[in-house]
PDB file of N, CA and C in Angstrom:
ATOM      1  N   MET A   1     -39.944 -64.186-133.520  1.00  0.00           N
ATOM      2  CA  MET A   1     -39.185 -64.789-134.491  1.00  0.00           C
ATOM      3  C   MET A   1     -37.755 -64.023-134.521  1.00  0.00           C
ATOM      4  N   ILE A   2     -36.822 -65.252-134.349  1.00  0.00           N
ATOM      5  CA  ILE A   2     -35.527 -64.912-134.488  1.00  0.00           C
ATOM      6  C   ILE A   2     -35.063 -64.784-136.141  1.00  0.00           C
ATOM      7  N   LYS A   3     -34.450 -63.786-136.534  1.00  0.00           N
ATOM      8  CA  LYS A   3     -34.274 -63.890-138.173  1.00  0.00           C
ATOM      9  C   LYS A   3     -32.925 -64.783-138.338  1.00  0.00           C
ATOM     10  N   ASN A   4     -33.118 -65.482-139.433  1.00  0.00           N
ATOM     11  CA  ASN A   4     -31.942 -66.606-139.761  1.00  0.00           C
ATOM     12  C   ASN A   4     -31.519 -66.531-141.174  1.00  0.00           C
ATOM     13  N   MET A   5     -31.691 -65.326-141.845  1.00  0.00           N
ATOM     14  CA  MET A   5     -31.601 -65.322-143.383  1.00  0.00           C
ATOM     15  C   MET A   5     -30.650 -64.069-143.412  1.00  0.00           C
ATOM     16  N   GLY A   6     -29.395 -64.128-144.028  1.00  0.00           N
ATOM     17  CA  GLY A   6     -28.401 -63.093-144.171  1.00  0.00           C
ATOM     18  C   GLY A   6     -28.734 -62.462-145.465  1.00  0.00           C
ATOM     19  N   ILE A   7     -28.321 -61.252-145.842  1.00  0.00           N
ATOM     20  CA  ILE A   7     -28.870 -60.404-146.908  1.00  0.00           C
ATOM     21  C   ILE A   7     -28.380 -61.010-148.105  1.00  0.00           C
ATOM     22  N   VAL A   8     -27.366 -61.720-148.252  1.00  0.00           N
ATOM     23  CA  VAL A   8     -27.174 -62.294-149.512  1.00  0.00           C
ATOM     24  C   VAL A   8     -28.321 -63.399-149.978  1.00  0.00           C
ATOM     25  N   ASP A   9     -28.692 -64.131-149.066  1.00  0.00           N
ATOM     26  CA  ASP A   9     -29.617 -65.319-149.114  1.00  0.00           C
ATOM     27  C   ASP A   9     -31.119 -64.549-149.403  1.00  0.00           C
ATOM     28  N   ARG A  10     -31.431 -63.339-148.834  1.00  0.00           N
ATOM     29  CA  ARG A  10     -32.546 -62.816-149.258  1.00  0.00           C
ATOM     30  C   ARG A  10     -32.733 -62.139-150.564  1.00  0.00           C
ATOM     31  N   VAL A  11     -31.376 -61.446-150.904  1.00  0.00           N
ATOM     32  CA  VAL A  11     -31.543 -60.830-152.509  1.00  0.00           C
ATOM     33  C   VAL A  11     -31.474 -62.042-153.372  1.00  0.00           C
ATOM     34  N   ILE A  12     -31.238 -63.356-153.163  1.00  0.00           N
ATOM     35  CA  ILE A  12     -31.018 -64.387-154.144  1.00  0.00           C
ATOM     36  C   ILE A  12     -32.426 -64.906-154.218  1.00  0.00           C
ATOM     37  N   ARG A  13     -32.942 -64.986-153.156  1.00  0.00           N
ATOM     38  CA  ARG A  13     -34.634 -65.432-153.047  1.00  0.00           C
ATOM     39  C   ARG A  13     -35.261 -64.232-153.879  1.00  0.00           C
ATOM     40  N   ILE A  14     -35.142 -62.972-153.689  1.00  0.00           N
ATOM     41  CA  ILE A  14     -35.976 -62.160-154.505  1.00  0.00           C
ATOM     42  C   ILE A  14     -35.668 -62.180-155.905  1.00  0.00           C
ATOM     43  N   ALA A  15     -34.453 -62.397-156.124  1.00  0.00           N
ATOM     44  CA  ALA A  15     -34.107 -62.434-157.663  1.00  0.00           C
ATOM     45  C   ALA A  15     -34.656 -63.853-158.160  1.00  0.00           C
ATOM     46  N   VAL A  16     -34.617 -64.951-157.753  1.00  0.00           N
ATOM     47  CA  VAL A  16     -35.400 -66.205-157.901  1.00  0.00           C
ATOM     48  C   VAL A  16     -36.854 -65.832-158.213  1.00  0.00           C
ATOM     49  N   ALA A  17     -37.536 -65.235-157.282  1.00  0.00           N
ATOM     50  CA  ALA A  17     -38.986 -64.775-157.501  1.00  0.00           C
ATOM     51  C   ALA A  17     -39.203 -64.002-158.657  1.00  0.00           C
ATOM     52  N   ILE A  18     -38.364 -63.123-158.886  1.00  0.00           N
ATOM     53  CA  ILE A  18     -38.534 -62.180-160.049  1.00  0.00           C
ATOM     54  C   ILE A  18     -38.284 -63.074-161.373  1.00  0.00           C
ATOM     55  N   LEU A  19     -37.187 -63.690-161.381  1.00  0.00           N
ATOM     56  CA  LEU A  19     -37.040 -64.709-162.539  1.00  0.00           C
ATOM     57  C   LEU A  19     -38.249 -65.545-162.687  1.00  0.00           C
ATOM     58  N   ILE A  20     -38.766 -66.242-161.712  1.00  0.00           N
ATOM     59  CA  ILE A  20     -40.198 -67.014-161.925  1.00  0.00           C
ATOM     60  C   ILE A  20     -41.221 -66.046-162.539  1.00  0.00           C
ATOM     61  N   ALA A  21     -41.363 -64.600-162.104  1.00  0.00           N
ATOM     62  CA  ALA A  21     -42.401 -64.022-162.786  1.00  0.00           C
ATOM     63  C   ALA A  21     -42.214 -63.643-163.809  1.00  0.00           C
ATOM     64  N   VAL A  22     -41.054 -63.584-164.406  1.00  0.00           N
ATOM     65  CA  VAL A  22     -40.548 -63.105-165.760  1.00  0.00           C
ATOM     66  C   VAL A  22     -41.019 -64.341-166.770  1.00  0.00           C
ATOM     67  N   LEU A  23     -40.196 -65.439-166.230  1.00  0.00           N
ATOM     68  CA  LEU A  23     -40.873 -66.745-167.086  1.00  0.00           C
ATOM     69  C   LEU A  23     -42.386 -66.903-167.128  1.00  0.00           C
ATOM     70  N   TYR A  24     -43.138 -66.583-166.209  1.00  0.00           N
ATOM     71  CA  TYR A  24     -44.597 -66.882-166.313  1.00  0.00           C
ATOM     72  C   TYR A  24     -45.275 -65.887-167.150  1.00  0.00           C
ATOM     73  N   TYR A  25     -44.904 -64.639-166.933  1.00  0.00           N
ATOM     74  CA  TYR A  25     -45.354 -63.720-167.948  1.00  0.00           C
ATOM     75  C   TYR A  25     -44.735 -63.492-169.539  1.00  0.00           C
ATOM     76  N   THR A  26     -43.781 -64.180-169.677  1.00  0.00           N
ATOM     77  CA  THR A  26     -43.346 -64.488-170.969  1.00  0.00           C
ATOM     78  C   THR A  26     -43.920 -65.649-171.389  1.00  0.00           C
ATOM     79  N   GLY A  27     -44.524 -66.653-170.996  1.00  0.00           N
ATOM     80  CA  GLY A  27     -45.287 -67.665-171.241  1.00  0.00           C
ATOM     81  C   GLY A  27     -44.304 -68.813-171.114  1.00  0.00           C
ATOM     82  N   GLN A  28     -43.108 -68.948-170.704  1.00  0.00           N
ATOM     83  CA  GLN A  28     -42.027 -69.986-170.507  1.00  0.00           C
ATOM     84  C   GLN A  28     -42.747 -71.185-169.650  1.00  0.00           C
ATOM     85  N   ILE A  29     -43.355 -70.744-168.793  1.00  0.00           N
ATOM     86  CA  ILE A  29     -43.835 -71.826-167.805  1.00  0.00           C
ATOM     87  C   ILE A  29     -45.504 -71.583-167.716  1.00  0.00           C
ATOM     88  N   SER A  30     -46.092 -72.464-167.479  1.00  0.00           N
ATOM     89  CA  SER A  30     -47.840 -72.598-167.513  1.00  0.00           C
ATOM     90  C   SER A  30     -48.348 -73.814-166.991  1.00  0.00           C
ATOM     91  N   GLY A  31     -49.412 -73.833-166.606  1.00  0.00           N
ATOM     92  CA  GLY A  31     -50.231 -74.886-165.946  1.00  0.00           C
ATOM     93  C   GLY A  31     -49.461 -75.202-164.584  1.00  0.00           C
ATOM     94  N   THR A  32     -49.704 -76.607-164.299  1.00  0.00           N
ATOM     95  CA  THR A  32     -49.376 -76.823-163.022  1.00  0.00           C
ATOM     96  C   THR A  32     -47.891 -76.461-162.639  1.00  0.00           C
ATOM     97  N   ALA A  33     -46.980 -76.308-163.401  1.00  0.00           N
ATOM     98  CA  ALA A  33     -45.583 -75.936-163.078  1.00  0.00           C
ATOM     99  C   ALA A  33     -45.705 -74.378-162.878  1.00  0.00           C
ATOM    100  N   ALA A  34     -46.435 -73.416-163.362  1.00  0.00           N
ATOM    101  CA  ALA A  34     -46.616 -72.048-163.182  1.00  0.00           C
ATOM    102  C   ALA A  34     -47.175 -71.973-161.727  1.00  0.00           C
ATOM    103  N   ILE A  35     -48.282 -72.826-161.420  1.00  0.00           N
ATOM    104  CA  ILE A  35     -48.856 -72.756-160.046  1.00  0.00           C
ATOM    105  C   ILE A  35     -47.886 -72.980-158.834  1.00  0.00           C
ATOM    106  N   ILE A  36     -47.166 -74.007-159.077  1.00  0.00           N
ATOM    107  CA  ILE A  36     -46.109 -74.662-158.176  1.00  0.00           C
ATOM    108  C   ILE A  36     -45.091 -73.224-157.991  1.00  0.00           C
ATOM    109  N   LEU A  37     -44.479 -73.099-159.184  1.00  0.00           N
ATOM    110  CA  LEU A  37     -43.336 -72.251-159.055  1.00  0.00           C
ATOM    111  C   LEU A  37     -43.794 -70.685-158.484  1.00  0.00           C
ATOM    112  N   GLY A  38     -45.130 -70.491-158.683  1.00  0.00           N
ATOM    113  CA  GLY A  38     -45.625 -69.022-158.120  1.00  0.00           C
ATOM    114  C   GLY A  38     -45.798 -69.204-156.622  1.00  0.00           C
ATOM    115  N   ILE A  39     -46.117 -70.243-156.154  1.00  0.00           N
ATOM    116  CA  ILE A  39     -46.423 -70.557-154.688  1.00  0.00           C
ATOM    117  C   ILE A  39     -44.925 -70.563-154.048  1.00  0.00           C
ATOM    118  N   VAL A  40     -43.924 -71.099-154.741  1.00  0.00           N
ATOM    119  CA  VAL A  40     -42.636 -70.929-154.326  1.00  0.00           C
ATOM    120  C   VAL A  40     -41.901 -69.516-154.385  1.00  0.00           C
ATOM    121  N   ALA A  41     -42.275 -68.862-155.293  1.00  0.00           N
ATOM    122  CA  ALA A  41     -42.221 -67.468-155.126  1.00  0.00           C
ATOM    123  C   ALA A  41     -42.720 -66.646-154.048  1.00  0.00           C
ATOM    124  N   LEU A  42     -43.806 -66.772-154.027  1.00  0.00           N
ATOM    125  CA  LEU A  42     -44.455 -66.030-153.154  1.00  0.00           C
ATOM    126  C   LEU A  42     -43.851 -66.437-151.480  1.00  0.00           C
ATOM    127  N   ALA A  43     -43.504 -67.543-151.317  1.00  0.00           N
ATOM    128  CA  ALA A  43     -42.702 -67.932-150.209  1.00  0.00           C
ATOM    129  C   ALA A  43     -41.329 -67.397-150.079  1.00  0.00           C
ATOM    130  N   PHE A  44     -40.837 -67.014-151.406  1.00  0.00           N
ATOM    131  CA  PHE A  44     -39.455 -66.828-151.062  1.00  0.00           C
ATOM    132  C   PHE A  44     -39.664 -65.166-150.904  1.00  0.00           C
ATOM    133  N   ILE A  45     -40.634 -64.531-151.540  1.00  0.00           N
ATOM    134  CA  ILE A  45     -40.743 -63.267-151.110  1.00  0.00           C
ATOM    135  C   ILE A  45     -41.268 -63.041-149.758  1.00  0.00           C
ATOM    136  N   ALA A  46     -41.995 -63.617-149.352  1.00  0.00           N
ATOM    137  CA  ALA A  46     -42.441 -63.520-147.804  1.00  0.00           C
ATOM    138  C   ALA A  46     -41.447 -63.800-146.689  1.00  0.00           C
ATOM    139  N   THR A  47     -40.516 -64.757-146.936  1.00  0.00           N
ATOM    140  CA  THR A  47     -39.508 -65.218-145.978  1.00  0.00           C
ATOM    141  C   THR A  47     -38.231 -63.817-146.449  1.00  0.00           C
ATOM    142  N   SER A  48     -38.136 -63.470-147.478  1.00  0.00           N
ATOM    143  CA  SER A  48     -37.142 -62.615-147.685  1.00  0.00           C
ATOM    144  C   SER A  48     -37.808 -61.445-146.796  1.00  0.00           C
ATOM    145  N   LEU A  49     -38.538 -61.027-146.979  1.00  0.00           N
ATOM    146  CA  LEU A  49     -39.243 -59.595-146.439  1.00  0.00           C
ATOM    147  C   LEU A  49     -38.921 -59.608-144.872  1.00  0.00           C
ATOM    148  N   VAL A  50     -39.502 -61.024-144.101  1.00  0.00           N
ATOM    149  CA  VAL A  50     -39.359 -61.117-142.661  1.00  0.00           C
ATOM    150  C   VAL A  50     -37.838 -61.544-142.092  1.00  0.00           C
ATOM    151  N   GLY A  51     -37.086 -62.033-143.168  1.00  0.00           N
ATOM    152  CA  GLY A  51     -35.840 -62.477-142.711  1.00  0.00           C
ATOM    153  C   GLY A  51     -35.779 -63.840-141.945  1.00  0.00           C
ATOM    154  N   PHE A  52     -36.721 -64.191-142.177  1.00  0.00           N
ATOM    155  CA  PHE A  52     -36.805 -65.642-141.209  1.00  0.00           C
ATOM    156  C   PHE A  52     -37.489 -67.146-142.309  1.00  0.00           C
ATOM    157  N   CYS A  53     -36.651 -67.918-142.354  1.00  0.00           N
ATOM    158  CA  CYS A  53     -37.165 -69.104-143.000  1.00  0.00           C
ATOM    159  C   CYS A  53     -37.443 -70.431-141.985  1.00  0.00           C
ATOM    160  N   PRO A  54     -38.625 -70.863-142.087  1.00  0.00           N
ATOM    161  CA  PRO A  54     -38.891 -71.765-141.168  1.00  0.00           C
ATOM    162  C   PRO A  54     -38.201 -73.119-141.373  1.00  0.00           C
ATOM    163  N   VAL A  55     -37.660 -73.443-142.631  1.00  0.00           N
ATOM    164  CA  VAL A  55     -37.171 -74.491-143.194  1.00  0.00           C
ATOM    165  C   VAL A  55     -35.865 -74.636-142.443  1.00  0.00           C
ATOM    166  N   TYR A  56     -35.219 -73.572-142.430  1.00  0.00           N
ATOM    167  CA  TYR A  56     -33.853 -73.368-141.877  1.00  0.00           C
ATOM    168  C   TYR A  56     -33.830 -73.634-140.279  1.00  0.00           C
ATOM    169  N   LYS A  57     -35.025 -72.985-139.785  1.00  0.00           N
ATOM    170  CA  LYS A  57     -35.331 -73.501-138.418  1.00  0.00           C
ATOM    171  C   LYS A  57     -35.231 -75.025-137.998  1.00  0.00           C
ATOM    172  N   LEU A  58     -35.833 -75.569-138.950  1.00  0.00           N
ATOM    173  CA  LEU A  58     -36.042 -76.997-138.733  1.00  0.00           C
ATOM    174  C   LEU A  58     -34.683 -77.716-138.512  1.00  0.00           C
ATOM    175  N   PHE A  59     -33.578 -77.236-139.565  1.00  0.00           N
ATOM    176  CA  PHE A  59     -32.404 -77.947-139.572  1.00  0.00           C
ATOM    177  C   PHE A  59     -31.596 -77.180-138.830  1.00  0.00           C
ATOM    178  N   SER A  60     -31.877 -76.125-137.877  1.00  0.00           N
ATOM    179  CA  SER A  60     -30.927 -75.347-137.215  1.00  0.00           C
ATOM    180  C   SER A  60     -29.748 -74.726-138.214  1.00  0.00           C
ATOM    181  N   LEU A  61     -30.207 -74.144-139.390  1.00  0.00           N
ATOM    182  CA  LEU A  61     -29.509 -73.351-140.214  1.00  0.00           C
ATOM    183  C   LEU A  61     -29.631 -72.003-139.928  1.00  0.00           C
ATOM    184  N   SER A  62     -28.546 -71.078-140.367  1.00  0.00           N
ATOM    185  CA  SER A  62     -28.775 -69.700-140.410  1.00  0.00           C
ATOM    186  C   SER A  62     -27.727 -68.984-141.312  1.00  0.00           C
ATOM    187  N   THR A  63     -28.021 -68.254-142.217  1.00  0.00           N
ATOM    188  CA  THR A  63     -27.122 -67.401-143.182  1.00  0.00           C
ATOM    189  C   THR A  63     -26.908 -66.293-142.735  1.00  0.00           C
ATOM    190  N   LEU A  64     -27.431 -65.693-141.562  1.00  0.00           N
ATOM    191  CA  LEU A  64     -27.179 -64.508-140.940  1.00  0.00           C
ATOM    192  C   LEU A  64     -25.854 -64.508-140.270  1.00  0.00           C
ATOM    193  N   LYS A  65     -25.238 -63.322-140.603  1.00  0.00           N
ATOM    194  CA  LYS A  65     -23.778 -63.347-139.989  1.00  0.00           C
ATOM    195  C   LYS A  65     -23.817 -63.190-138.229  1.00  0.00           C
ATOM    196  N   LYS A  66     -22.783 -63.647-137.646  1.00  0.00           N
ATOM    197  CA  LYS A  66     -22.737 -63.736-136.215  1.00  0.00           C
ATOM    198  C   LYS A  66     -22.768 -62.221-135.671  1.00  0.00           C
ATOM    199  N   GLY A  67     -23.635 -61.914-134.663  1.00  0.00           N
ATOM    200  CA  GLY A  67     -23.611 -60.736-134.372  1.00  0.00           C
ATOM    201  C   GLY A  67     -24.644 -59.606-134.604  1.00  0.00           C
ATOM    202  N   LYS A  68     -25.535 -60.314-135.558  1.00  0.00           N
ATOM    203  CA  LYS A  68     -26.716 -59.201-135.991  1.00  0.00           C
ATOM    204  C   LYS A  68     -27.761 -59.624-135.605  1.00  0.00           C
TER     205      LYS A  68
END
């Protein structure tokens, strides 16, 4: 797997995942929305940890700086 995510992209995804967790734990989201956003948060965390986004691959995108 070739990395296709830059550091800023990875940090933003982790921040969004944390925001979703905070919204869930404070009761701002619940039910189906909580389940869907929880899955999104898990995907964001997983892709951030490995530095590879399959959706970016489908569209030949990369936020990784050249030479890295």
